[in-house]
Every structure is written in structure tokens, then in C-alpha cells.
């Protein structure tokens, strides 16, 4: 079985028609990890089957709302057969949001919750999280397995930590929400800034994501490519790439 990444959702804030918000499915030798699951991403995930573990970078609903849908699917189709809870690595605020949506069964009855801030082993992956600037606690995540490293920012403003997060990654998935820099403090980035971060990290490939609805994605890729000499990919729903 090969290694691949599938884009489940690529929008930030809310999904454009026909798209979904943040979500990625990473597969390594048959083990499947979901990175974020925002509005509309669960229905796309279900087309590929249920995952083995979930990682949620922060509590904003465009990154975690559909974890509730996954919890229901797990509860009614898998957990009823006596399977254990589904591992969920997230922030405390994420659990609170999920519980507010569906308190019965409580998320902790569906998910084996782990603090995202703590390093962990997830199947074949070593998970390392990096706190990054955002409106709420947010962690960039780095998944490392033999011969493979995938890094993902979640949502973030510019930060020197991004170079460490994406260091020599085979794929650096980087948020590119803004069309132009905003005043400080900065909690989101532009595509040009994403390209700069990927270059500083020495990443092999860059994937832009978390596009504000209506963004010219081709223009965003060009802006990132002006700063990054490697391959620039644009996240698009159901895009699958080999890792």
C-alpha cells in the first residue's frame, strides 16, 4: 500500500459552493490520519472510509465542525461492534466545541482524547506539535514516519516557528488566507508569505490551502512560487497526491 494525501476541504471561514473547509487525509502503508475536519469535509471523508486517528489543529468550526459528524458515524457503525474509541489529538477548546454541538454521547465517549500539545505516536507516525499565532490556541503539526514527513500549519500568522515546523518536509501544507497583509497582530498569512516560509524551511513541496472564498487560486500559486523554488500545489477537493 502506498503513501498519499487526499484533500477533503480547502476553504477557510466557510465553504464555497461545491467545496468544503479544512480537511486532509494522510495515508501511510494502510494507516489513515485525518488532519482537521471543517464544514463539509466529513461527507468527502466518508467516500474514502473511516480513519484510524484524527488530529485537529484548533477549535474554530471551519476546522473541527465535522468531527461531530465523524463521531456519529463512528458511534453508529463501528463502536456498536465493540471497537474502542477513535483517537483524537486536539486542543481542550475543540472538545468543548464538540460537546456544545452534541453532548450525548459526549465526545470523550466517542473519542480517545489526547492533548495536541504533547508529542505522540500515531500508528506509524511521530506527531510533533508547534504552537503558532492565531485567534485561539492553534498548533502546527508535523507527522514523521520512515522516509516521510508531512507538515501542516492549521491557521497561523507569520512566525519563525514555521521554519522548524516545515524543516525538510516532503510536503508543507500552509495556510494562505489573506489576499494582502493585514495590520498587526497577524493571525493569518498570504500566499507570498507561505512561499517564503516553505523556502526558509527547505520543504520539497508546498501546498497552499485555507483560501478565503472567492480567492483567485492561480494568482495565489504564482505569488507563492515567486518566493519558493519548489513545486507549488493548490489544495482542491478530492485532489490526491503521492507522498
Protein backbone atom coordinates (compact mmCIF):
# COMPACT_ATOMS: atom_id res chain seq x y z
CA UNK A 1 0.00 0.00 0.00
CA UNK A 2 1.32 3.41 -0.97
CA UNK A 3 1.59 6.76 0.74
CA UNK A 4 -0.76 9.52 -0.31
CA UNK A 5 -2.60 12.65 0.76
CA UNK A 6 -6.16 13.49 -0.23
CA UNK A 7 -7.63 16.97 0.10
CA UNK A 8 -11.05 16.85 1.76
CA UNK A 9 -11.51 20.61 2.04
CA UNK A 10 -9.56 23.72 1.07
CA UNK A 11 -11.64 26.74 2.14
CA UNK A 12 -11.28 28.98 5.16
CA UNK A 13 -14.12 30.57 7.15
CA UNK A 14 -16.95 28.92 5.18
CA UNK A 15 -17.04 26.62 2.15
CA UNK A 16 -17.57 27.85 -1.38
CA UNK A 17 -20.29 26.04 -3.33
CA UNK A 18 -19.08 22.53 -4.18
CA UNK A 19 -16.13 22.75 -1.78
CA UNK A 20 -15.50 22.17 1.92
CA UNK A 21 -13.47 23.70 4.72
CA UNK A 22 -10.16 22.42 6.08
CA UNK A 23 -9.52 18.69 5.89
CA UNK A 24 -6.77 16.32 4.74
CA UNK A 25 -6.47 12.53 4.75
CA UNK A 26 -2.91 11.22 5.10
CA UNK A 27 -2.31 7.52 4.36
CA UNK A 28 0.89 5.63 5.10
CA UNK A 29 1.06 1.87 4.48
CA UNK A 30 -2.66 1.49 5.15
CA UNK A 31 -2.82 3.69 8.27
CA UNK A 32 -5.09 6.73 7.84
CA UNK A 33 -4.91 10.03 9.73
CA UNK A 34 -7.28 12.97 9.24
CA UNK A 35 -5.89 16.47 9.72
CA UNK A 36 -8.81 18.81 10.58
CA UNK A 37 -12.40 18.27 9.55
CA UNK A 38 -14.28 21.52 8.94
CA UNK A 39 -17.64 22.30 7.38
CA UNK A 40 -18.49 19.81 4.62
CA UNK A 41 -15.32 17.74 4.90
CA UNK A 42 -16.87 14.68 6.54
CA UNK A 43 -19.03 13.75 3.56
CA UNK A 44 -15.90 13.68 1.40
CA UNK A 45 -14.01 11.67 4.01
CA UNK A 46 -16.75 9.04 4.12
CA UNK A 47 -16.16 8.38 0.43
CA UNK A 48 -12.73 7.03 1.41
CA UNK A 49 -13.81 5.20 4.59
CA UNK A 50 -13.29 5.97 8.27
CA UNK A 51 -9.84 6.94 9.58
CA UNK A 52 -7.65 5.37 12.25
CA UNK A 53 -6.95 8.66 14.06
CA UNK A 54 -7.88 12.34 13.95
CA UNK A 55 -5.78 15.47 14.53
CA UNK A 56 -7.47 18.87 14.93
CA UNK A 57 -5.25 21.94 14.98
CA UNK A 58 -7.70 24.26 16.77
CA UNK A 59 -11.29 24.82 17.80
CA UNK A 60 -12.59 27.07 15.03
CA UNK A 61 -15.56 25.36 13.34
CA UNK A 62 -14.09 25.59 9.85
CA UNK A 63 -11.51 23.13 11.21
CA UNK A 64 -13.49 20.95 13.61
CA UNK A 65 -17.27 21.13 12.99
CA UNK A 66 -17.45 17.87 11.02
CA UNK A 67 -15.60 15.93 13.71
CA UNK A 68 -19.09 15.78 15.22
CA UNK A 69 -20.36 14.02 12.09
CA UNK A 70 -17.41 11.62 12.22
CA UNK A 71 -18.21 10.88 15.86
CA UNK A 72 -21.76 9.93 14.95
CA UNK A 73 -20.61 7.72 12.09
CA UNK A 74 -18.06 6.02 14.35
CA UNK A 75 -20.61 5.51 17.13
CA UNK A 76 -23.34 4.00 14.97
CA UNK A 77 -21.26 1.93 12.53
CA UNK A 78 -18.07 0.95 14.35
CA UNK A 79 -18.32 1.47 18.10
CA UNK A 80 -21.54 -0.56 18.26
CA UNK A 81 -19.43 -3.57 17.31
CA UNK A 82 -17.35 -3.15 20.45
CA UNK A 83 -14.44 -1.25 18.93
CA UNK A 84 -12.59 1.22 21.17
CA UNK A 85 -12.85 4.99 20.93
CA UNK A 86 -11.29 6.75 17.96
CA UNK A 87 -8.04 8.56 18.87
CA UNK A 88 -8.42 12.35 18.70
CA UNK A 89 -5.46 14.70 19.22
CA UNK A 90 -6.74 18.23 19.76
CA UNK A 91 -6.90 21.29 22.00
CA UNK A 92 -9.22 21.41 25.05
CA UNK A 93 -11.30 24.05 23.30
CA UNK A 94 -12.03 21.63 20.48
CA UNK A 95 -13.62 19.14 22.87
CA UNK A 96 -15.71 21.94 24.38
CA UNK A 97 -16.99 22.95 20.92
CA UNK A 98 -17.86 19.36 20.04
CA UNK A 99 -19.65 18.86 23.34
CA UNK A 100 -21.69 22.01 22.76
CA UNK A 101 -22.87 20.60 19.41
CA UNK A 102 -23.63 17.10 20.73
CA UNK A 103 -23.38 16.41 24.47
CA UNK A 104 -24.90 12.89 24.26
CA UNK A 105 -22.90 10.84 23.73
CA UNK A 106 -20.20 13.16 24.99
CA UNK A 107 -17.14 13.47 22.70
CA UNK A 108 -15.00 11.73 25.31
CA UNK A 109 -17.24 8.66 24.97
CA UNK A 110 -16.64 8.57 21.21
CA UNK A 111 -13.03 9.74 21.07
CA UNK A 112 -9.91 8.83 22.99
CA UNK A 113 -8.83 12.43 23.54
CA UNK A 114 -5.14 13.40 23.68
CA UNK A 115 -3.63 16.82 24.30
CA UNK A 116 -2.30 18.00 20.95
CA UNK A 117 0.48 19.90 22.70
CA UNK A 118 2.12 16.63 23.75
CA UNK A 119 4.28 14.58 21.34
CA UNK A 120 2.66 11.27 20.46
CA UNK A 121 2.94 8.11 18.41
CA UNK A 122 0.01 7.69 16.00
CA UNK A 123 0.29 4.39 14.17
CA UNK A 124 3.49 4.66 12.10
CA UNK A 125 3.71 8.43 12.66
CA UNK A 126 5.52 10.52 15.23
CA UNK A 127 3.34 13.58 15.92
CA UNK A 128 5.05 16.79 16.99
CA UNK A 129 3.01 19.96 17.52
CA UNK A 130 4.19 23.57 17.36
CA UNK A 131 2.18 26.44 18.92
CA UNK A 132 1.53 29.12 16.30
CA UNK A 133 -0.11 32.57 16.48
CA UNK A 134 -3.87 32.61 15.90
CA UNK A 135 -7.04 33.99 17.49
CA UNK A 136 -7.35 30.84 19.63
CA UNK A 137 -4.74 28.24 20.62
CA UNK A 138 -3.54 26.63 17.38
CA UNK A 139 -0.84 24.06 16.70
CA UNK A 140 1.01 23.33 13.53
CA UNK A 141 1.51 19.57 13.27
CA UNK A 142 4.37 17.53 11.89
CA UNK A 143 3.84 13.87 11.06
CA UNK A 144 7.02 11.85 10.57
CA UNK A 145 7.31 8.22 9.51
CA UNK A 146 10.27 6.37 7.97
CA UNK A 147 11.05 8.20 4.74
CA UNK A 148 8.13 10.63 5.02
CA UNK A 149 7.41 13.98 6.67
CA UNK A 150 4.20 15.98 6.27
CA UNK A 151 3.84 19.35 7.99
CA UNK A 152 0.62 21.36 8.32
CA UNK A 153 0.17 24.84 9.77
CA UNK A 154 -3.50 24.87 10.66
CA UNK A 155 -4.16 28.63 10.80
CA UNK A 156 -1.30 30.95 11.63
CA UNK A 157 0.24 34.34 11.22
CA UNK A 158 3.90 34.72 10.25
CA UNK A 159 6.20 33.11 12.81
CA UNK A 160 9.83 31.94 12.96
CA UNK A 161 8.49 28.63 14.29
CA UNK A 162 7.17 27.81 10.81
CA UNK A 163 10.68 27.13 9.52
CA UNK A 164 11.11 24.48 12.21
CA UNK A 165 7.66 23.01 11.59
CA UNK A 166 8.29 22.56 7.88
CA UNK A 167 12.01 21.75 8.02
CA UNK A 168 12.88 19.48 5.05
CA UNK A 169 9.29 18.27 4.84
CA UNK A 170 8.27 16.23 1.83
CA UNK A 171 5.04 18.24 1.84
CA UNK A 172 4.38 21.50 3.69
CA UNK A 173 0.66 22.31 3.81
CA UNK A 174 0.45 26.01 4.54
CA UNK A 175 -2.49 28.33 5.06
CA UNK A 176 -2.79 31.23 2.59
CA UNK A 177 -5.95 33.04 3.65
CA UNK A 178 -5.18 36.68 3.11
CA UNK A 179 -5.11 38.48 -0.22
CA UNK A 180 -2.83 41.19 1.22
CA UNK A 181 -1.02 41.62 4.55
CA UNK A 182 -3.21 42.88 7.39
CA UNK A 183 -2.20 45.11 10.31
CA UNK A 184 -0.51 43.55 13.33
CA UNK A 185 -1.08 41.39 15.27
CA UNK A 186 -1.07 38.85 12.45
CA UNK A 187 -3.07 35.64 12.81
CA UNK A 188 -3.30 34.60 9.15
CA UNK A 189 -0.94 34.70 6.14
CA UNK A 190 -0.80 35.49 2.45
CA UNK A 191 0.27 33.06 -0.27
CA UNK A 192 3.51 35.00 -0.72
CA UNK A 193 4.27 34.57 2.98
CA UNK A 194 3.51 30.87 2.71
CA UNK A 195 6.02 30.62 -0.12
CA UNK A 196 8.63 32.43 1.95
CA UNK A 197 8.06 30.08 4.89
CA UNK A 198 8.40 26.99 2.69
CA UNK A 199 11.66 28.33 1.26
CA UNK A 200 13.07 29.05 4.71
CA UNK A 201 12.07 25.57 5.86
CA UNK A 202 13.72 23.86 2.88
CA UNK A 203 10.50 21.95 2.16
CA UNK A 204 10.35 19.88 -1.01
CA UNK A 205 6.76 20.72 -1.97
CA UNK A 206 4.32 23.39 -0.82
CA UNK A 207 0.55 23.03 -0.80
CA UNK A 208 -1.48 26.21 -0.34
CA UNK A 209 -4.79 25.90 1.48
CA UNK A 210 -7.42 27.69 3.62
CA UNK A 211 -8.42 30.03 0.83
CA UNK A 212 -10.83 32.82 1.63
CA UNK A 213 -13.95 32.20 -0.52
CA UNK A 214 -13.58 33.95 -3.87
CA UNK A 215 -9.77 33.89 -3.86
CA UNK A 216 -8.03 33.66 -7.25
CA UNK A 217 -6.14 30.46 -6.53
CA UNK A 218 -3.96 30.60 -9.64
CA UNK A 219 -2.79 34.06 -8.62
CA UNK A 220 -2.09 32.79 -5.11
CA UNK A 221 0.05 29.98 -6.52
CA UNK A 222 2.01 32.47 -8.62
CA UNK A 223 2.64 34.66 -5.58
CA UNK A 224 3.90 31.69 -3.58
CA UNK A 225 6.03 30.48 -6.50
CA UNK A 226 7.80 33.82 -6.65
CA UNK A 227 9.16 33.09 -3.15
CA UNK A 228 9.54 29.29 -3.27
CA UNK A 229 11.58 27.43 -5.86
CA UNK A 230 9.97 24.03 -5.36
CA UNK A 231 6.67 22.68 -6.60
CA UNK A 232 3.63 24.69 -5.51
CA UNK A 233 0.35 22.79 -5.26
CA UNK A 234 -3.09 24.30 -4.75
CA UNK A 235 -5.38 22.37 -2.43
CA UNK A 236 -8.58 21.37 -4.19
CA UNK A 237 -11.27 18.98 -3.02
CA UNK A 238 -10.58 15.31 -3.86
CA UNK A 239 -7.09 16.08 -5.14
CA UNK A 240 -4.88 13.09 -4.28
CA UNK A 241 -1.10 13.21 -4.46
CA UNK A 242 1.55 10.57 -3.85
CA UNK A 243 3.84 11.12 -0.90
